[in-house]
């Protein structure tokens, strides 16, 4: 290493104690310091012409697009629902009350089924090693992108009137029809919704299980705790926030599900979305359809607010 006097003679800055020189480069004999070009936190990186405009101006284009695409049609729906006598007529009709009850009990039953089935399946995937477990966990992410009517069509191919299960039964027994006729009943809608929405519960559960400290499970097992007790006392408390978040999301989605009910062709199963479709498309009663839509929106927004609150608390 060059001495300080030699460094000064050569034009390099002296460094006391033989420390490394400051990061400099020389270009054409002039020192060129290396600087950090990353913008400092809070620094305004907008070009000069953009700094002259208030920040509120930049919010106008997305707000205008949102108002044109969403708020304006929603306002028209609300305005149409305010037709004199529309609310009293809809609330007094038996069809609306039946649709509301059917929507609520199907959504609640589907949510409970998804929570139970999703918890069991997530437990198996996370804690029971088996070949292909990682591939199954990856498939769940792909399953979330499937449209709901696709699952309904798959169930129709298997359990429909001319599906594989009924076809196999008639081939073996020689009967004129098979025993599986439940898809056109509320139970068929319930099965389809549980089948489709269960992965929406499993995904946050698998994420929660991946962060679980396995040392707790090993300690509980070494102390003689049975698997059921470990699940109840160790795993379930850690999974409750994920269950709450996933269950809230599934409840909101089940309340607004339209494709599953339509594609199953269930007789006598009329939910609020189906009632909106019937009033608007089949009967051309737009004020009544808008009233039902406003009620459905109010319920959905309330439950979605609950979902967001639960998600913020659990950090989902």
C-alpha atoms as a PDB file:
ATOM      1  CA  UNK A   1       0.000   0.000   0.000  1.00  0.00           C
ATOM      2  CA  UNK A   2       1.384   3.441  -0.912  1.00  0.00           C
ATOM      3  CA  UNK A   3       2.480   5.785   1.828  1.00  0.00           C
ATOM      4  CA  UNK A   4       0.576   9.056   2.399  1.00  0.00           C
ATOM      5  CA  UNK A   5       3.377  11.092   0.845  1.00  0.00           C
ATOM      6  CA  UNK A   6       3.414   8.863  -2.219  1.00  0.00           C
ATOM      7  CA  UNK A   7      -0.375   9.092  -2.509  1.00  0.00           C
ATOM      8  CA  UNK A   8      -0.224  12.904  -2.377  1.00  0.00           C
ATOM      9  CA  UNK A   9       2.487  12.935  -4.996  1.00  0.00           C
ATOM     10  CA  UNK A  10       0.426  10.761  -7.273  1.00  0.00           C
ATOM     11  CA  UNK A  11      -2.662  12.914  -6.808  1.00  0.00           C
ATOM     12  CA  UNK A  12      -4.564  10.408  -4.624  1.00  0.00           C
ATOM     13  CA  UNK A  13      -5.990  11.631  -1.326  1.00  0.00           C
ATOM     14  CA  UNK A  14      -4.244  10.472   1.791  1.00  0.00           C
ATOM     15  CA  UNK A  15      -6.118   8.119   4.085  1.00  0.00           C
ATOM     16  CA  UNK A  16      -5.080   8.020   7.724  1.00  0.00           C
ATOM     17  CA  UNK A  17      -4.256   4.651   9.206  1.00  0.00           C
ATOM     18  CA  UNK A  18      -3.986   2.975   5.817  1.00  0.00           C
ATOM     19  CA  UNK A  19      -7.768   2.901   5.408  1.00  0.00           C
ATOM     20  CA  UNK A  20      -9.325   2.406   2.024  1.00  0.00           C
ATOM     21  CA  UNK A  21      -9.662   5.624  -0.006  1.00  0.00           C
ATOM     22  CA  UNK A  22     -13.104   7.112  -0.577  1.00  0.00           C
ATOM     23  CA  UNK A  23     -14.895   5.708  -3.621  1.00  0.00           C
ATOM     24  CA  UNK A  24     -13.649   7.923  -6.451  1.00  0.00           C
ATOM     25  CA  UNK A  25     -13.002   7.471 -10.102  1.00  0.00           C
ATOM     26  CA  UNK A  26     -10.761   9.547 -12.329  1.00  0.00           C
ATOM     27  CA  UNK A  27     -11.931  10.565 -15.760  1.00  0.00           C
ATOM     28  CA  UNK A  28      -9.522  12.716 -17.742  1.00  0.00           C
ATOM     29  CA  UNK A  29      -7.487  13.511 -14.628  1.00  0.00           C
ATOM     30  CA  UNK A  30     -10.466  14.951 -12.686  1.00  0.00           C
ATOM     31  CA  UNK A  31     -11.865  13.063  -9.724  1.00  0.00           C
ATOM     32  CA  UNK A  32     -15.392  11.772 -10.192  1.00  0.00           C
ATOM     33  CA  UNK A  33     -17.117  10.812  -6.961  1.00  0.00           C
ATOM     34  CA  UNK A  34     -19.511   7.893  -6.890  1.00  0.00           C
ATOM     35  CA  UNK A  35     -22.899   9.015  -5.613  1.00  0.00           C
ATOM     36  CA  UNK A  36     -26.016   7.152  -4.715  1.00  0.00           C
ATOM     37  CA  UNK A  37     -28.557   8.051  -7.387  1.00  0.00           C
ATOM     38  CA  UNK A  38     -31.537   6.469  -5.581  1.00  0.00           C
ATOM     39  CA  UNK A  39     -34.135   9.081  -4.611  1.00  0.00           C
ATOM     40  CA  UNK A  40     -34.325   9.943  -0.943  1.00  0.00           C
ATOM     41  CA  UNK A  41     -37.495   8.994   0.965  1.00  0.00           C
ATOM     42  CA  UNK A  42     -40.121  11.712   0.594  1.00  0.00           C
ATOM     43  CA  UNK A  43     -38.286  13.365  -2.255  1.00  0.00           C
ATOM     44  CA  UNK A  44     -40.517  14.664  -5.065  1.00  0.00           C
ATOM     45  CA  UNK A  45     -39.303  12.856  -8.202  1.00  0.00           C
ATOM     46  CA  UNK A  46     -41.866  14.421 -10.537  1.00  0.00           C
ATOM     47  CA  UNK A  47     -40.561  16.486 -13.452  1.00  0.00           C
ATOM     48  CA  UNK A  48     -40.565  20.286 -12.984  1.00  0.00           C
ATOM     49  CA  UNK A  49     -43.655  20.864 -15.112  1.00  0.00           C
ATOM     50  CA  UNK A  50     -45.602  18.337 -13.082  1.00  0.00           C
ATOM     51  CA  UNK A  51     -44.663  19.940  -9.768  1.00  0.00           C
ATOM     52  CA  UNK A  52     -46.571  23.075 -10.691  1.00  0.00           C
ATOM     53  CA  UNK A  53     -49.877  21.167 -10.706  1.00  0.00           C
ATOM     54  CA  UNK A  54     -51.660  20.367  -7.431  1.00  0.00           C
ATOM     55  CA  UNK A  55     -51.638  16.746  -6.389  1.00  0.00           C
ATOM     56  CA  UNK A  56     -55.449  16.713  -6.450  1.00  0.00           C
ATOM     57  CA  UNK A  57     -55.352  17.223 -10.230  1.00  0.00           C
ATOM     58  CA  UNK A  58     -53.671  13.838 -10.694  1.00  0.00           C
ATOM     59  CA  UNK A  59     -56.546  12.134  -8.878  1.00  0.00           C
ATOM     60  CA  UNK A  60     -59.133  13.449 -11.329  1.00  0.00           C
ATOM     61  CA  UNK A  61     -58.551  10.933 -14.204  1.00  0.00           C
ATOM     62  CA  UNK A  62     -58.970   7.744 -12.104  1.00  0.00           C
ATOM     63  CA  UNK A  63     -61.895   9.281 -10.195  1.00  0.00           C
ATOM     64  CA  UNK A  64     -63.568  10.267 -13.473  1.00  0.00           C
ATOM     65  CA  UNK A  65     -63.056   6.775 -14.913  1.00  0.00           C
ATOM     66  CA  UNK A  66     -64.466   5.197 -11.730  1.00  0.00           C
ATOM     67  CA  UNK A  67     -67.464   7.518 -11.788  1.00  0.00           C
ATOM     68  CA  UNK A  68     -68.185   6.776 -15.450  1.00  0.00           C
ATOM     69  CA  UNK A  69     -67.768   3.003 -15.267  1.00  0.00           C
ATOM     70  CA  UNK A  70     -69.156   2.227 -11.802  1.00  0.00           C
ATOM     71  CA  UNK A  71     -70.695   5.115  -9.885  1.00  0.00           C
ATOM     72  CA  UNK A  72     -72.923   6.391 -12.698  1.00  0.00           C
ATOM     73  CA  UNK A  73     -74.568   2.990 -13.419  1.00  0.00           C
ATOM     74  CA  UNK A  74     -74.918   2.413  -9.666  1.00  0.00           C
ATOM     75  CA  UNK A  75     -76.576   5.791  -9.327  1.00  0.00           C
ATOM     76  CA  UNK A  76     -79.023   4.889 -12.091  1.00  0.00           C
ATOM     77  CA  UNK A  77     -79.906   1.656 -10.254  1.00  0.00           C
ATOM     78  CA  UNK A  78     -80.513   3.535  -7.000  1.00  0.00           C
ATOM     79  CA  UNK A  79     -82.548   6.204  -8.800  1.00  0.00           C
ATOM     80  CA  UNK A  80     -84.706   3.575 -10.512  1.00  0.00           C
ATOM     81  CA  UNK A  81     -85.274   1.815  -7.195  1.00  0.00           C
ATOM     82  CA  UNK A  82     -86.733   5.042  -5.771  1.00  0.00           C
ATOM     83  CA  UNK A  83     -89.775   4.746  -8.017  1.00  0.00           C
ATOM     84  CA  UNK A  84     -92.828   5.461  -5.830  1.00  0.00           C
ATOM     85  CA  UNK A  85     -94.157   2.263  -4.287  1.00  0.00           C
ATOM     86  CA  UNK A  86     -91.278   0.057  -5.488  1.00  0.00           C
ATOM     87  CA  UNK A  87     -89.824  -0.733  -2.074  1.00  0.00           C
ATOM     88  CA  UNK A  88     -93.173  -1.401  -0.434  1.00  0.00           C
ATOM     89  CA  UNK A  89     -94.218  -3.645  -3.302  1.00  0.00           C
ATOM     90  CA  UNK A  90     -90.986  -5.687  -3.251  1.00  0.00           C
ATOM     91  CA  UNK A  91     -90.731  -5.968   0.539  1.00  0.00           C
ATOM     92  CA  UNK A  92     -94.352  -7.055   0.716  1.00  0.00           C
ATOM     93  CA  UNK A  93     -93.968  -9.802  -1.884  1.00  0.00           C
ATOM     94  CA  UNK A  94     -93.531 -13.409  -0.829  1.00  0.00           C
ATOM     95  CA  UNK A  95     -91.042 -14.029  -3.661  1.00  0.00           C
ATOM     96  CA  UNK A  96     -88.605 -11.485  -2.211  1.00  0.00           C
ATOM     97  CA  UNK A  97     -88.847 -12.902   1.310  1.00  0.00           C
ATOM     98  CA  UNK A  98     -88.320 -16.449   0.045  1.00  0.00           C
ATOM     99  CA  UNK A  99     -85.349 -15.365  -2.082  1.00  0.00           C
ATOM    100  CA  UNK A 100     -83.803 -13.540   0.874  1.00  0.00           C
ATOM    101  CA  UNK A 101     -84.187 -16.553   3.167  1.00  0.00           C
ATOM    102  CA  UNK A 102     -82.851 -18.925   0.493  1.00  0.00           C
ATOM    103  CA  UNK A 103     -79.869 -16.676  -0.196  1.00  0.00           C
ATOM    104  CA  UNK A 104     -78.947 -16.371   3.466  1.00  0.00           C
ATOM    105  CA  UNK A 105     -79.267 -20.038   4.393  1.00  0.00           C
ATOM    106  CA  UNK A 106     -77.418 -21.223   1.295  1.00  0.00           C
ATOM    107  CA  UNK A 107     -74.605 -18.735   1.943  1.00  0.00           C
ATOM    108  CA  UNK A 108     -74.321 -19.642   5.638  1.00  0.00           C
ATOM    109  CA  UNK A 109     -74.503 -23.407   5.005  1.00  0.00           C
ATOM    110  CA  UNK A 110     -71.937 -23.177   2.199  1.00  0.00           C
ATOM    111  CA  UNK A 111     -69.616 -21.134   4.402  1.00  0.00           C
ATOM    112  CA  UNK A 112     -69.824 -23.642   7.249  1.00  0.00           C
ATOM    113  CA  UNK A 113     -69.207 -26.532   4.843  1.00  0.00           C
ATOM    114  CA  UNK A 114     -66.229 -24.731   3.293  1.00  0.00           C
ATOM    115  CA  UNK A 115     -64.744 -24.005   6.714  1.00  0.00           C
ATOM    116  CA  UNK A 116     -64.991 -27.603   7.897  1.00  0.00           C
ATOM    117  CA  UNK A 117     -63.841 -29.219   4.648  1.00  0.00           C
ATOM    118  CA  UNK A 118     -61.161 -26.598   4.014  1.00  0.00           C
ATOM    119  CA  UNK A 119     -59.714 -26.987   7.515  1.00  0.00           C
ATOM    120  CA  UNK A 120     -59.495 -30.767   7.216  1.00  0.00           C
ATOM    121  CA  UNK A 121     -57.942 -30.680   3.737  1.00  0.00           C
ATOM    122  CA  UNK A 122     -55.473 -27.954   4.732  1.00  0.00           C
ATOM    123  CA  UNK A 123     -54.441 -30.020   7.759  1.00  0.00           C
ATOM    124  CA  UNK A 124     -53.748 -33.042   5.561  1.00  0.00           C
ATOM    125  CA  UNK A 125     -51.772 -31.066   2.983  1.00  0.00           C
ATOM    126  CA  UNK A 126     -49.732 -29.153   5.572  1.00  0.00           C
ATOM    127  CA  UNK A 127     -48.978 -31.825   8.184  1.00  0.00           C
ATOM    128  CA  UNK A 128     -49.430 -35.239   6.535  1.00  0.00           C
ATOM    129  CA  UNK A 129     -46.566 -35.895   4.119  1.00  0.00           C
ATOM    130  CA  UNK A 130     -47.638 -37.714   0.976  1.00  0.00           C
ATOM    131  CA  UNK A 131     -46.343 -37.884  -2.597  1.00  0.00           C
ATOM    132  CA  UNK A 132     -47.544 -34.930  -4.641  1.00  0.00           C
ATOM    133  CA  UNK A 133     -48.479 -32.777  -1.665  1.00  0.00           C
ATOM    134  CA  UNK A 134     -46.589 -29.782  -3.009  1.00  0.00           C
ATOM    135  CA  UNK A 135     -48.283 -30.167  -6.394  1.00  0.00           C
ATOM    136  CA  UNK A 136     -51.698 -30.255  -4.712  1.00  0.00           C
ATOM    137  CA  UNK A 137     -50.905 -27.035  -2.843  1.00  0.00           C
ATOM    138  CA  UNK A 138     -49.910 -25.376  -6.121  1.00  0.00           C
ATOM    139  CA  UNK A 139     -53.078 -26.649  -7.812  1.00  0.00           C
ATOM    140  CA  UNK A 140     -55.172 -24.837  -5.210  1.00  0.00           C
ATOM    141  CA  UNK A 141     -53.771 -21.535  -6.450  1.00  0.00           C
ATOM    142  CA  UNK A 142     -54.746 -22.487 -10.007  1.00  0.00           C
ATOM    143  CA  UNK A 143     -58.193 -23.636  -8.879  1.00  0.00           C
ATOM    144  CA  UNK A 144     -58.947 -20.150  -7.543  1.00  0.00           C
ATOM    145  CA  UNK A 145     -58.894 -18.826 -11.110  1.00  0.00           C
ATOM    146  CA  UNK A 146     -61.556 -21.249 -12.393  1.00  0.00           C
ATOM    147  CA  UNK A 147     -65.011 -19.805 -13.199  1.00  0.00           C
ATOM    148  CA  UNK A 148     -67.822 -21.076 -11.014  1.00  0.00           C
ATOM    149  CA  UNK A 149     -69.905 -22.471 -13.875  1.00  0.00           C
ATOM    150  CA  UNK A 150     -67.018 -24.786 -14.810  1.00  0.00           C
ATOM    151  CA  UNK A 151     -67.335 -26.631 -11.506  1.00  0.00           C
ATOM    152  CA  UNK A 152     -71.097 -26.856 -11.984  1.00  0.00           C
ATOM    153  CA  UNK A 153     -70.662 -28.355 -15.442  1.00  0.00           C
ATOM    154  CA  UNK A 154     -68.221 -30.900 -14.030  1.00  0.00           C
ATOM    155  CA  UNK A 155     -70.770 -31.939 -11.398  1.00  0.00           C
ATOM    156  CA  UNK A 156     -73.439 -32.213 -14.097  1.00  0.00           C
ATOM    157  CA  UNK A 157     -71.210 -34.560 -16.099  1.00  0.00           C
ATOM    158  CA  UNK A 158     -70.751 -36.744 -13.021  1.00  0.00           C
ATOM    159  CA  UNK A 159     -74.088 -36.562 -11.164  1.00  0.00           C
ATOM    160  CA  UNK A 160     -76.467 -35.150 -13.772  1.00  0.00           C
ATOM    161  CA  UNK A 161     -79.533 -36.957 -15.055  1.00  0.00           C
ATOM    162  CA  UNK A 162     -77.491 -38.413 -17.926  1.00  0.00           C
ATOM    163  CA  UNK A 163     -74.178 -38.168 -16.086  1.00  0.00           C
ATOM    164  CA  UNK A 164     -71.598 -40.864 -15.545  1.00  0.00           C
ATOM    165  CA  UNK A 165     -72.884 -41.985 -12.145  1.00  0.00           C
ATOM    166  CA  UNK A 166     -76.471 -42.440 -13.358  1.00  0.00           C
ATOM    167  CA  UNK A 167     -75.246 -44.010 -16.607  1.00  0.00           C
ATOM    168  CA  UNK A 168     -73.163 -46.562 -14.695  1.00  0.00           C
ATOM    169  CA  UNK A 169     -76.137 -47.349 -12.444  1.00  0.00           C
ATOM    170  CA  UNK A 170     -78.502 -47.922 -15.358  1.00  0.00           C
ATOM    171  CA  UNK A 171     -75.932 -50.077 -17.174  1.00  0.00           C
ATOM    172  CA  UNK A 172     -75.411 -52.303 -14.149  1.00  0.00           C
ATOM    173  CA  UNK A 173     -78.987 -52.555 -12.885  1.00  0.00           C
ATOM    174  CA  UNK A 174     -80.933 -52.069 -16.127  1.00  0.00           C
ATOM    175  CA  UNK A 175     -83.094 -49.416 -14.475  1.00  0.00           C
ATOM    176  CA  UNK A 176     -84.671 -46.673 -16.536  1.00  0.00           C
ATOM    177  CA  UNK A 177     -83.031 -43.857 -14.551  1.00  0.00           C
ATOM    178  CA  UNK A 178     -80.337 -43.456 -11.967  1.00  0.00           C
ATOM    179  CA  UNK A 179     -80.719 -42.537  -8.279  1.00  0.00           C
ATOM    180  CA  UNK A 180     -78.685 -39.326  -8.427  1.00  0.00           C
ATOM    181  CA  UNK A 181     -81.188 -36.512  -8.985  1.00  0.00           C
ATOM    182  CA  UNK A 182     -80.089 -34.070  -6.292  1.00  0.00           C
ATOM    183  CA  UNK A 183     -78.327 -31.523  -8.508  1.00  0.00           C
ATOM    184  CA  UNK A 184     -81.632 -29.849  -9.382  1.00  0.00           C
ATOM    185  CA  UNK A 185     -82.426 -29.355  -5.681  1.00  0.00           C
ATOM    186  CA  UNK A 186     -81.019 -26.886  -3.128  1.00  0.00           C
ATOM    187  CA  UNK A 187     -78.629 -29.629  -2.010  1.00  0.00           C
ATOM    188  CA  UNK A 188     -77.073 -29.662  -5.470  1.00  0.00           C
ATOM    189  CA  UNK A 189     -76.477 -25.919  -5.266  1.00  0.00           C
ATOM    190  CA  UNK A 190     -75.005 -26.387  -1.793  1.00  0.00           C
ATOM    191  CA  UNK A 191     -72.641 -29.133  -3.014  1.00  0.00           C
ATOM    192  CA  UNK A 192     -71.509 -27.030  -5.973  1.00  0.00           C
ATOM    193  CA  UNK A 193     -70.836 -23.956  -3.824  1.00  0.00           C
ATOM    194  CA  UNK A 194     -68.886 -25.949  -1.224  1.00  0.00           C
ATOM    195  CA  UNK A 195     -66.849 -27.605  -3.989  1.00  0.00           C
ATOM    196  CA  UNK A 196     -66.031 -24.301  -5.641  1.00  0.00           C
ATOM    197  CA  UNK A 197     -65.426 -22.061  -2.614  1.00  0.00           C
ATOM    198  CA  UNK A 198     -63.491 -24.460  -0.338  1.00  0.00           C
ATOM    199  CA  UNK A 199     -60.083 -23.499  -1.867  1.00  0.00           C
ATOM    200  CA  UNK A 200     -60.785 -19.879  -0.884  1.00  0.00           C
ATOM    201  CA  UNK A 201     -60.658 -21.075   2.732  1.00  0.00           C
ATOM    202  CA  UNK A 202     -57.723 -23.427   2.232  1.00  0.00           C
ATOM    203  CA  UNK A 203     -55.419 -20.773   0.792  1.00  0.00           C
ATOM    204  CA  UNK A 204     -55.196 -18.550   3.913  1.00  0.00           C
ATOM    205  CA  UNK A 205     -55.110 -21.666   6.109  1.00  0.00           C
ATOM    206  CA  UNK A 206     -52.088 -23.074   4.273  1.00  0.00           C
ATOM    207  CA  UNK A 207     -50.366 -19.714   4.604  1.00  0.00           C
ATOM    208  CA  UNK A 208     -51.071 -19.701   8.357  1.00  0.00           C
ATOM    209  CA  UNK A 209     -49.879 -23.301   8.771  1.00  0.00           C
ATOM    210  CA  UNK A 210     -46.631 -22.512   6.972  1.00  0.00           C
ATOM    211  CA  UNK A 211     -45.820 -19.950   9.693  1.00  0.00           C
ATOM    212  CA  UNK A 212     -46.693 -22.276  12.570  1.00  0.00           C
ATOM    213  CA  UNK A 213     -43.751 -23.147  14.807  1.00  0.00           C
ATOM    214  CA  UNK A 214     -43.335 -26.919  14.485  1.00  0.00           C
ATOM    215  CA  UNK A 215     -41.516 -26.984  17.819  1.00  0.00           C
ATOM    216  CA  UNK A 216     -44.884 -26.544  19.546  1.00  0.00           C
ATOM    217  CA  UNK A 217     -46.197 -29.655  17.801  1.00  0.00           C
ATOM    218  CA  UNK A 218     -43.101 -31.649  18.725  1.00  0.00           C
ATOM    219  CA  UNK A 219     -43.312 -30.590  22.373  1.00  0.00           C
ATOM    220  CA  UNK A 220     -47.012 -31.443  22.562  1.00  0.00           C
ATOM    221  CA  UNK A 221     -46.381 -34.816  20.944  1.00  0.00           C
ATOM    222  CA  UNK A 222     -43.465 -35.595  23.280  1.00  0.00           C
ATOM    223  CA  UNK A 223     -45.710 -34.853  26.265  1.00  0.00           C
ATOM    224  CA  UNK A 224     -48.106 -37.551  25.098  1.00  0.00           C
ATOM    225  CA  UNK A 225     -50.816 -35.408  23.507  1.00  0.00           C
ATOM    226  CA  UNK A 226     -52.901 -37.236  20.937  1.00  0.00           C
ATOM    227  CA  UNK A 227     -53.277 -35.803  17.390  1.00  0.00           C
ATOM    228  CA  UNK A 228     -56.841 -34.630  18.066  1.00  0.00           C
ATOM    229  CA  UNK A 229     -55.723 -32.758  21.190  1.00  0.00           C
ATOM    230  CA  UNK A 230     -52.795 -31.177  19.310  1.00  0.00           C
ATOM    231  CA  UNK A 231     -55.159 -29.966  16.617  1.00  0.00           C
ATOM    232  CA  UNK A 232     -57.623 -28.587  19.160  1.00  0.00           C
ATOM    233  CA  UNK A 233     -55.146 -26.941  21.549  1.00  0.00           C
ATOM    234  CA  UNK A 234     -52.240 -25.934  19.303  1.00  0.00           C
ATOM    235  CA  UNK A 235     -53.210 -25.738  15.640  1.00  0.00           C
ATOM    236  CA  UNK A 236     -56.796 -24.490  15.828  1.00  0.00           C
ATOM    237  CA  UNK A 237     -56.028 -21.326  17.868  1.00  0.00           C
ATOM    238  CA  UNK A 238     -53.378 -20.369  15.313  1.00  0.00           C
ATOM    239  CA  UNK A 239     -55.801 -21.052  12.451  1.00  0.00           C
ATOM    240  CA  UNK A 240     -58.747 -19.048  13.790  1.00  0.00           C
ATOM    241  CA  UNK A 241     -57.737 -15.705  12.185  1.00  0.00           C
ATOM    242  CA  UNK A 242     -57.266 -17.391   8.792  1.00  0.00           C
ATOM    243  CA  UNK A 243     -60.576 -19.209   9.205  1.00  0.00           C
ATOM    244  CA  UNK A 244     -62.324 -15.928  10.016  1.00  0.00           C
ATOM    245  CA  UNK A 245     -60.837 -14.154   7.001  1.00  0.00           C
ATOM    246  CA  UNK A 246     -61.530 -17.010   4.583  1.00  0.00           C
ATOM    247  CA  UNK A 247     -65.026 -17.586   5.934  1.00  0.00           C
ATOM    248  CA  UNK A 248     -65.949 -13.904   5.621  1.00  0.00           C
ATOM    249  CA  UNK A 249     -64.787 -13.845   2.008  1.00  0.00           C
ATOM    250  CA  UNK A 250     -66.687 -17.038   1.142  1.00  0.00           C
ATOM    251  CA  UNK A 251     -69.863 -15.702   2.778  1.00  0.00           C
ATOM    252  CA  UNK A 252     -69.747 -12.543   0.661  1.00  0.00           C
ATOM    253  CA  UNK A 253     -69.106 -14.502  -2.532  1.00  0.00           C
ATOM    254  CA  UNK A 254     -71.886 -17.019  -1.835  1.00  0.00           C
ATOM    255  CA  UNK A 255     -74.404 -14.220  -1.293  1.00  0.00           C
ATOM    256  CA  UNK A 256     -73.658 -12.902  -4.787  1.00  0.00           C
ATOM    257  CA  UNK A 257     -73.278 -16.222  -6.605  1.00  0.00           C
ATOM    258  CA  UNK A 258     -75.317 -16.400  -9.799  1.00  0.00           C
ATOM    259  CA  UNK A 259     -73.630 -18.840 -12.177  1.00  0.00           C
ATOM    260  CA  UNK A 260     -73.855 -21.915  -9.953  1.00  0.00           C
ATOM    261  CA  UNK A 261     -77.582 -21.483  -9.295  1.00  0.00           C
ATOM    262  CA  UNK A 262     -78.265 -20.814 -12.976  1.00  0.00           C
ATOM    263  CA  UNK A 263     -76.243 -23.744 -14.371  1.00  0.00           C
ATOM    264  CA  UNK A 264     -77.559 -26.332 -11.911  1.00  0.00           C
ATOM    265  CA  UNK A 265     -81.090 -25.523 -13.035  1.00  0.00           C
ATOM    266  CA  UNK A 266     -82.331 -26.105  -9.503  1.00  0.00           C
ATOM    267  CA  UNK A 267     -86.110 -25.915  -9.388  1.00  0.00           C
ATOM    268  CA  UNK A 268     -87.540 -23.711  -6.682  1.00  0.00           C
ATOM    269  CA  UNK A 269     -84.124 -22.247  -5.758  1.00  0.00           C
ATOM    270  CA  UNK A 270     -84.368 -18.478  -6.196  1.00  0.00           C
ATOM    271  CA  UNK A 271     -81.657 -16.343  -4.668  1.00  0.00           C
ATOM    272  CA  UNK A 272     -81.436 -12.549  -4.718  1.00  0.00           C
ATOM    273  CA  UNK A 273     -79.221 -12.477  -7.847  1.00  0.00           C
ATOM    274  CA  UNK A 274     -81.607 -14.877  -9.580  1.00  0.00           C
ATOM    275  CA  UNK A 275     -84.554 -12.681  -8.535  1.00  0.00           C
ATOM    276  CA  UNK A 276     -82.839  -9.635 -10.066  1.00  0.00           C
ATOM    277  CA  UNK A 277     -82.355 -11.603 -13.287  1.00  0.00           C
ATOM    278  CA  UNK A 278     -85.979 -12.737 -13.328  1.00  0.00           C
ATOM    279  CA  UNK A 279     -87.420  -9.300 -12.601  1.00  0.00           C
ATOM    280  CA  UNK A 280     -85.243  -7.475 -15.122  1.00  0.00           C
ATOM    281  CA  UNK A 281     -84.902  -9.948 -18.005  1.00  0.00           C
ATOM    282  CA  UNK A 282     -87.986 -12.145 -17.802  1.00  0.00           C
ATOM    283  CA  UNK A 283     -90.589  -9.736 -16.403  1.00  0.00           C
ATOM    284  CA  UNK A 284     -89.091  -6.366 -17.479  1.00  0.00           C
ATOM    285  CA  UNK A 285     -89.946  -5.012 -14.019  1.00  0.00           C
ATOM    286  CA  UNK A 286     -86.913  -2.762 -13.689  1.00  0.00           C
ATOM    287  CA  UNK A 287     -87.934  -0.838 -10.524  1.00  0.00           C
ATOM    288  CA  UNK A 288     -88.425  -4.105  -8.622  1.00  0.00           C
ATOM    289  CA  UNK A 289     -85.164  -5.506  -9.999  1.00  0.00           C
ATOM    290  CA  UNK A 290     -83.315  -2.388  -8.878  1.00  0.00           C
ATOM    291  CA  UNK A 291     -84.812  -2.610  -5.386  1.00  0.00           C
ATOM    292  CA  UNK A 292     -83.613  -6.207  -5.024  1.00  0.00           C
ATOM    293  CA  UNK A 293     -80.202  -5.206  -6.405  1.00  0.00           C
ATOM    294  CA  UNK A 294     -79.878  -2.366  -3.878  1.00  0.00           C
ATOM    295  CA  UNK A 295     -80.722  -4.740  -1.025  1.00  0.00           C
ATOM    296  CA  UNK A 296     -78.178  -7.246  -2.309  1.00  0.00           C
ATOM    297  CA  UNK A 297     -75.534  -4.524  -2.609  1.00  0.00           C
ATOM    298  CA  UNK A 298     -76.216  -3.282   0.925  1.00  0.00           C
ATOM    299  CA  UNK A 299     -75.829  -6.781   2.372  1.00  0.00           C
ATOM    300  CA  UNK A 300     -72.670  -7.438   0.352  1.00  0.00           C
ATOM    301  CA  UNK A 301     -71.028  -4.113   1.281  1.00  0.00           C
ATOM    302  CA  UNK A 302     -71.785  -4.688   4.941  1.00  0.00           C
ATOM    303  CA  UNK A 303     -70.281  -8.168   4.903  1.00  0.00           C
ATOM    304  CA  UNK A 304     -67.316  -6.999   2.848  1.00  0.00           C
ATOM    305  CA  UNK A 305     -66.630  -4.302   5.432  1.00  0.00           C
ATOM    306  CA  UNK A 306     -66.676  -7.039   8.056  1.00  0.00           C
ATOM    307  CA  UNK A 307     -64.252  -9.081   5.938  1.00  0.00           C
ATOM    308  CA  UNK A 308     -61.850  -6.151   5.596  1.00  0.00           C
ATOM    309  CA  UNK A 309     -61.979  -5.509   9.328  1.00  0.00           C
ATOM    310  CA  UNK A 310     -61.178  -9.150  10.078  1.00  0.00           C
ATOM    311  CA  UNK A 311     -58.399  -9.150   7.473  1.00  0.00           C
ATOM    312  CA  UNK A 312     -56.770  -6.054   8.984  1.00  0.00           C
ATOM    313  CA  UNK A 313     -56.850  -7.560  12.443  1.00  0.00           C
ATOM    314  CA  UNK A 314     -55.207 -10.816  11.361  1.00  0.00           C
ATOM    315  CA  UNK A 315     -52.858  -9.124   8.912  1.00  0.00           C
ATOM    316  CA  UNK A 316     -54.207 -11.077   5.907  1.00  0.00           C
END
